Amino acid sequence: MAWAAWLGWDQQRDVQPDGSVTGPYEAWQVIGLVLTLLAPLYWAASSRRHITDAVLGVTTGLTAAAFYDWSDDASGLFMVGVFLVAAGSFAATTAVTALIASLKRVTVTNA
């Protein structure tokens, strides 16, 4: 759902004045997606203590959304991007949930 809200509607590449092509996503869209996913990730990792579920849920959701969004690519290279989304989201959510869990432990221990 977050993918569709932030990235799903922008499918056009932008041609810059110098002829270079960028996109289809702008940096603010990706930042918005990341910030949107931080709230449920924090909730799952800290208050519910479901670290594995948080990591796998975000990774699976982003990977499935990327696959669905990019699967109409005629070159077939979309699978490389889908793999990179899976690997990157797994690594990032693992790091963030580990940080949240360790900060939560420190806070509880010092309280």
N, C-alpha and C. Protein backbone atom coordinates (compact mmCIF):
# COMPACT_ATOMS: atom_id res chain seq x y z
N MET A 1 0.82 -1.19 0.00
CA MET A 1 0.00 0.00 0.00
C MET A 1 0.87 1.26 0.00
N ALA A 2 1.92 1.26 0.81
CA ALA A 2 2.80 2.42 0.87
C ALA A 2 3.52 2.62 -0.46
N TRP A 3 3.91 1.52 -1.10
CA TRP A 3 4.57 1.61 -2.40
C TRP A 3 3.65 2.31 -3.40
N ALA A 4 2.40 1.88 -3.45
CA ALA A 4 1.45 2.47 -4.39
C ALA A 4 1.23 3.95 -4.10
N ALA A 5 1.15 4.30 -2.83
CA ALA A 5 0.92 5.69 -2.46
C ALA A 5 2.09 6.59 -2.82
N TRP A 6 3.30 6.11 -2.62
CA TRP A 6 4.47 6.95 -2.85
C TRP A 6 5.08 6.79 -4.25
N LEU A 7 5.13 5.57 -4.76
CA LEU A 7 5.86 5.32 -6.01
C LEU A 7 4.99 4.84 -7.17
N GLY A 8 3.84 4.28 -6.87
CA GLY A 8 3.04 3.63 -7.90
C GLY A 8 2.46 4.55 -8.96
N TRP A 9 2.28 5.79 -8.66
CA TRP A 9 1.61 6.69 -9.61
C TRP A 9 2.59 7.39 -10.55
N ASP A 10 3.85 7.38 -10.26
CA ASP A 10 4.85 8.09 -11.08
C ASP A 10 5.58 7.08 -11.96
N GLN A 11 5.20 6.99 -13.22
CA GLN A 11 5.79 6.00 -14.12
C GLN A 11 6.58 6.62 -15.26
N GLN A 12 6.66 7.93 -15.32
CA GLN A 12 7.32 8.62 -16.42
C GLN A 12 8.75 9.00 -16.06
N ARG A 13 9.63 8.81 -17.01
CA ARG A 13 11.01 9.26 -16.83
C ARG A 13 11.08 10.73 -17.25
N ASP A 14 11.95 11.48 -16.58
CA ASP A 14 12.10 12.90 -16.87
C ASP A 14 13.34 13.12 -17.72
N VAL A 15 13.20 13.90 -18.79
CA VAL A 15 14.33 14.24 -19.65
C VAL A 15 14.82 15.62 -19.24
N GLN A 16 16.08 15.67 -18.82
CA GLN A 16 16.69 16.92 -18.37
C GLN A 16 17.12 17.76 -19.57
N PRO A 17 17.36 19.06 -19.37
CA PRO A 17 17.78 19.93 -20.48
C PRO A 17 19.06 19.46 -21.19
N ASP A 18 19.93 18.77 -20.45
CA ASP A 18 21.17 18.30 -21.08
C ASP A 18 20.98 16.98 -21.82
N GLY A 19 19.76 16.44 -21.83
CA GLY A 19 19.46 15.20 -22.54
C GLY A 19 19.49 13.96 -21.67
N SER A 20 19.96 14.08 -20.45
CA SER A 20 20.00 12.92 -19.57
C SER A 20 18.58 12.58 -19.09
N VAL A 21 18.40 11.33 -18.76
CA VAL A 21 17.09 10.85 -18.34
C VAL A 21 17.17 10.42 -16.88
N THR A 22 16.19 10.84 -16.08
CA THR A 22 16.13 10.45 -14.67
C THR A 22 14.76 9.86 -14.37
N GLY A 23 14.67 9.24 -13.23
CA GLY A 23 13.36 8.77 -12.78
C GLY A 23 13.19 7.29 -12.97
N PRO A 24 12.00 6.85 -12.79
CA PRO A 24 10.77 7.61 -12.72
C PRO A 24 10.49 8.21 -11.34
N TYR A 25 11.26 7.84 -10.31
CA TYR A 25 10.96 8.32 -8.98
C TYR A 25 11.88 9.47 -8.60
N GLU A 26 11.33 10.38 -7.83
CA GLU A 26 12.10 11.48 -7.27
C GLU A 26 12.59 11.07 -5.88
N ALA A 27 13.63 11.72 -5.42
CA ALA A 27 14.19 11.38 -4.10
C ALA A 27 13.15 11.57 -3.00
N TRP A 28 12.33 12.61 -3.07
CA TRP A 28 11.36 12.86 -2.01
C TRP A 28 10.33 11.74 -1.92
N GLN A 29 10.05 11.06 -3.04
CA GLN A 29 9.10 9.95 -3.01
C GLN A 29 9.68 8.76 -2.24
N VAL A 30 10.92 8.45 -2.50
CA VAL A 30 11.58 7.33 -1.82
C VAL A 30 11.75 7.65 -0.33
N ILE A 31 12.11 8.88 -0.02
CA ILE A 31 12.24 9.29 1.39
C ILE A 31 10.89 9.19 2.09
N GLY A 32 9.83 9.59 1.42
CA GLY A 32 8.49 9.47 1.99
C GLY A 32 8.11 8.03 2.26
N LEU A 33 8.46 7.14 1.33
CA LEU A 33 8.19 5.71 1.52
C LEU A 33 8.94 5.18 2.74
N VAL A 34 10.20 5.52 2.85
CA VAL A 34 11.02 5.05 3.98
C VAL A 34 10.45 5.57 5.30
N LEU A 35 10.11 6.85 5.36
CA LEU A 35 9.57 7.41 6.59
C LEU A 35 8.21 6.80 6.94
N THR A 36 7.41 6.49 5.94
CA THR A 36 6.12 5.86 6.17
C THR A 36 6.30 4.46 6.75
N LEU A 37 7.31 3.74 6.28
CA LEU A 37 7.53 2.37 6.76
C LEU A 37 8.20 2.32 8.13
N LEU A 38 8.79 3.42 8.56
CA LEU A 38 9.44 3.43 9.87
C LEU A 38 8.44 3.27 11.01
N ALA A 39 7.26 3.84 10.88
CA ALA A 39 6.27 3.77 11.96
C ALA A 39 5.85 2.34 12.26
N PRO A 40 5.38 1.57 11.27
CA PRO A 40 5.00 0.19 11.61
C PRO A 40 6.21 -0.68 11.98
N LEU A 41 7.37 -0.36 11.42
CA LEU A 41 8.58 -1.10 11.77
C LEU A 41 8.93 -0.87 13.23
N TYR A 42 8.87 0.37 13.66
CA TYR A 42 9.14 0.70 15.07
C TYR A 42 8.12 0.01 15.99
N TRP A 43 6.86 0.09 15.60
CA TRP A 43 5.80 -0.52 16.41
C TRP A 43 6.02 -2.02 16.56
N ALA A 44 6.31 -2.68 15.46
CA ALA A 44 6.49 -4.14 15.50
C ALA A 44 7.76 -4.53 16.26
N ALA A 45 8.80 -3.74 16.10
CA ALA A 45 10.08 -4.10 16.72
C ALA A 45 10.16 -3.72 18.19
N SER A 46 9.50 -2.65 18.59
CA SER A 46 9.66 -2.21 19.98
C SER A 46 8.49 -2.61 20.87
N SER A 47 7.31 -2.24 20.51
CA SER A 47 6.19 -2.50 21.42
C SER A 47 5.72 -3.95 21.35
N ARG A 48 5.80 -4.55 20.18
CA ARG A 48 5.33 -5.93 20.02
C ARG A 48 6.46 -6.95 20.11
N ARG A 49 7.70 -6.49 19.96
CA ARG A 49 8.89 -7.35 19.99
C ARG A 49 8.85 -8.47 18.97
N HIS A 50 8.30 -8.17 17.81
CA HIS A 50 8.26 -9.12 16.69
C HIS A 50 9.28 -8.68 15.66
N ILE A 51 10.54 -8.82 15.98
CA ILE A 51 11.61 -8.33 15.12
C ILE A 51 11.63 -9.07 13.80
N THR A 52 11.55 -10.37 13.83
CA THR A 52 11.57 -11.17 12.60
C THR A 52 10.38 -10.83 11.73
N ASP A 53 9.21 -10.71 12.33
CA ASP A 53 8.01 -10.37 11.56
C ASP A 53 8.14 -8.99 10.91
N ALA A 54 8.72 -8.05 11.63
CA ALA A 54 8.90 -6.70 11.10
C ALA A 54 9.82 -6.72 9.89
N VAL A 55 10.94 -7.42 10.00
CA VAL A 55 11.90 -7.48 8.90
C VAL A 55 11.29 -8.19 7.70
N LEU A 56 10.71 -9.35 7.93
CA LEU A 56 10.16 -10.13 6.81
C LEU A 56 8.92 -9.46 6.21
N GLY A 57 8.12 -8.81 7.03
CA GLY A 57 6.93 -8.13 6.50
C GLY A 57 7.27 -6.99 5.57
N VAL A 58 8.18 -6.13 6.00
CA VAL A 58 8.58 -4.99 5.16
C VAL A 58 9.29 -5.48 3.91
N THR A 59 10.19 -6.43 4.06
CA THR A 59 10.94 -6.96 2.91
C THR A 59 10.01 -7.62 1.91
N THR A 60 9.11 -8.46 2.39
CA THR A 60 8.18 -9.14 1.50
C THR A 60 7.25 -8.16 0.80
N GLY A 61 6.74 -7.21 1.55
CA GLY A 61 5.84 -6.22 0.97
C GLY A 61 6.50 -5.38 -0.11
N LEU A 62 7.68 -4.88 0.17
CA LEU A 62 8.39 -4.06 -0.83
C LEU A 62 8.79 -4.89 -2.05
N THR A 63 9.23 -6.11 -1.82
CA THR A 63 9.64 -6.97 -2.94
C THR A 63 8.45 -7.31 -3.82
N ALA A 64 7.33 -7.66 -3.23
CA ALA A 64 6.13 -7.97 -4.01
C ALA A 64 5.63 -6.74 -4.78
N ALA A 65 5.66 -5.58 -4.14
CA ALA A 65 5.21 -4.36 -4.81
C ALA A 65 6.13 -4.00 -5.97
N ALA A 66 7.44 -4.14 -5.79
CA ALA A 66 8.39 -3.86 -6.87
C ALA A 66 8.17 -4.83 -8.02
N PHE A 67 7.99 -6.10 -7.71
CA PHE A 67 7.75 -7.10 -8.75
C PHE A 67 6.49 -6.75 -9.55
N TYR A 68 5.42 -6.44 -8.86
CA TYR A 68 4.16 -6.11 -9.53
C TYR A 68 4.29 -4.84 -10.37
N ASP A 69 4.95 -3.83 -9.81
CA ASP A 69 5.07 -2.54 -10.49
C ASP A 69 5.99 -2.62 -11.71
N TRP A 70 7.04 -3.40 -11.63
CA TRP A 70 8.05 -3.42 -12.68
C TRP A 70 7.93 -4.60 -13.64
N SER A 71 7.02 -5.52 -13.42
CA SER A 71 6.97 -6.75 -14.20
C SER A 71 6.60 -6.55 -15.67
N ASP A 72 6.14 -5.40 -16.04
CA ASP A 72 5.81 -5.15 -17.44
C ASP A 72 7.00 -4.67 -18.26
N ASP A 73 8.18 -4.67 -17.67
CA ASP A 73 9.41 -4.27 -18.35
C ASP A 73 9.77 -5.32 -19.39
N ALA A 74 9.88 -4.90 -20.63
CA ALA A 74 10.14 -5.83 -21.74
C ALA A 74 11.56 -6.37 -21.74
N SER A 75 12.49 -5.68 -21.13
CA SER A 75 13.89 -6.12 -21.16
C SER A 75 14.15 -7.31 -20.25
N GLY A 76 13.30 -7.53 -19.27
CA GLY A 76 13.52 -8.61 -18.33
C GLY A 76 14.46 -8.27 -17.20
N LEU A 77 15.04 -7.09 -17.26
CA LEU A 77 15.99 -6.68 -16.23
C LEU A 77 15.31 -6.26 -14.93
N PHE A 78 13.99 -6.22 -14.94
CA PHE A 78 13.29 -5.81 -13.73
C PHE A 78 13.60 -6.75 -12.57
N MET A 79 13.92 -8.00 -12.86
CA MET A 79 14.23 -8.95 -11.79
C MET A 79 15.51 -8.56 -11.04
N VAL A 80 16.44 -7.91 -11.73
CA VAL A 80 17.64 -7.42 -11.05
C VAL A 80 17.24 -6.36 -10.03
N GLY A 81 16.37 -5.45 -10.45
CA GLY A 81 15.88 -4.41 -9.55
C GLY A 81 15.09 -4.99 -8.39
N VAL A 82 14.26 -5.98 -8.66
CA VAL A 82 13.47 -6.62 -7.61
C VAL A 82 14.39 -7.29 -6.60
N PHE A 83 15.43 -7.97 -7.09
CA PHE A 83 16.40 -8.59 -6.19
C PHE A 83 17.09 -7.53 -5.34
N LEU A 84 17.46 -6.41 -5.94
CA LEU A 84 18.12 -5.34 -5.18
C LEU A 84 17.19 -4.74 -4.14
N VAL A 85 15.92 -4.59 -4.48
CA VAL A 85 14.94 -4.11 -3.49
C VAL A 85 14.85 -5.10 -2.34
N ALA A 86 14.79 -6.39 -2.65
CA ALA A 86 14.70 -7.41 -1.61
C ALA A 86 15.94 -7.39 -0.71
N ALA A 87 17.11 -7.37 -1.32
CA ALA A 87 18.35 -7.38 -0.54
C ALA A 87 18.51 -6.10 0.27
N GLY A 88 18.24 -4.97 -0.34
CA GLY A 88 18.38 -3.68 0.35
C GLY A 88 17.38 -3.50 1.46
N SER A 89 16.14 -3.86 1.22
CA SER A 89 15.13 -3.70 2.27
C SER A 89 15.38 -4.68 3.40
N PHE A 90 15.85 -5.89 3.09
CA PHE A 90 16.19 -6.84 4.15
C PHE A 90 17.33 -6.31 5.01
N ALA A 91 18.39 -5.82 4.37
CA ALA A 91 19.53 -5.30 5.11
C ALA A 91 19.15 -4.08 5.94
N ALA A 92 18.41 -3.16 5.34
CA ALA A 92 18.04 -1.93 6.04
C ALA A 92 17.09 -2.19 7.20
N THR A 93 16.07 -3.02 6.98
CA THR A 93 15.13 -3.28 8.07
C THR A 93 15.78 -4.11 9.18
N THR A 94 16.70 -4.99 8.83
CA THR A 94 17.43 -5.74 9.86
C THR A 94 18.24 -4.79 10.73
N ALA A 95 18.95 -3.87 10.10
CA ALA A 95 19.76 -2.91 10.84
C ALA A 95 18.90 -2.00 11.70
N VAL A 96 17.82 -1.50 11.15
CA VAL A 96 16.95 -0.58 11.90
C VAL A 96 16.27 -1.29 13.07
N THR A 97 15.77 -2.49 12.85
CA THR A 97 15.11 -3.21 13.95
C THR A 97 16.12 -3.60 15.03
N ALA A 98 17.33 -3.96 14.63
CA ALA A 98 18.36 -4.26 15.64
C ALA A 98 18.68 -3.02 16.46
N LEU A 99 18.75 -1.87 15.82
CA LEU A 99 18.99 -0.62 16.53
C LEU A 99 17.84 -0.29 17.47
N ILE A 100 16.62 -0.44 16.99
CA ILE A 100 15.44 -0.17 17.83
C ILE A 100 15.43 -1.11 19.03
N ALA A 101 15.67 -2.39 18.79
CA ALA A 101 15.65 -3.37 19.89
C ALA A 101 16.74 -3.09 20.91
N SER A 102 17.93 -2.73 20.44
CA SER A 102 19.02 -2.46 21.39
C SER A 102 18.76 -1.17 22.17
N LEU A 103 18.23 -0.15 21.51
CA LEU A 103 17.88 1.08 22.22
C LEU A 103 16.77 0.84 23.23
N LYS A 104 15.83 -0.01 22.87
CA LYS A 104 14.75 -0.34 23.78
C LYS A 104 15.26 -1.07 25.00
N ARG A 105 16.22 -2.01 24.80
CA ARG A 105 16.81 -2.74 25.91
C ARG A 105 17.57 -1.80 26.84
N VAL A 106 18.32 -0.86 26.25
CA VAL A 106 19.08 0.09 27.06
C VAL A 106 18.14 0.97 27.86
N THR A 107 17.06 1.40 27.24
CA THR A 107 16.08 2.26 27.92
C THR A 107 15.42 1.50 29.06
N VAL A 108 15.04 0.25 28.83
CA VAL A 108 14.38 -0.55 29.87
C VAL A 108 15.36 -0.87 30.99
N THR A 109 16.60 -1.17 30.65
CA THR A 109 17.62 -1.50 31.65
C THR A 109 17.93 -0.30 32.54
N ASN A 110 17.99 0.88 31.96
CA ASN A 110 18.33 2.08 32.71
C ASN A 110 17.14 2.67 33.46
N ALA A 111 15.96 2.19 33.19
CA ALA A 111 14.77 2.75 33.85
C ALA A 111 14.61 2.28 35.26
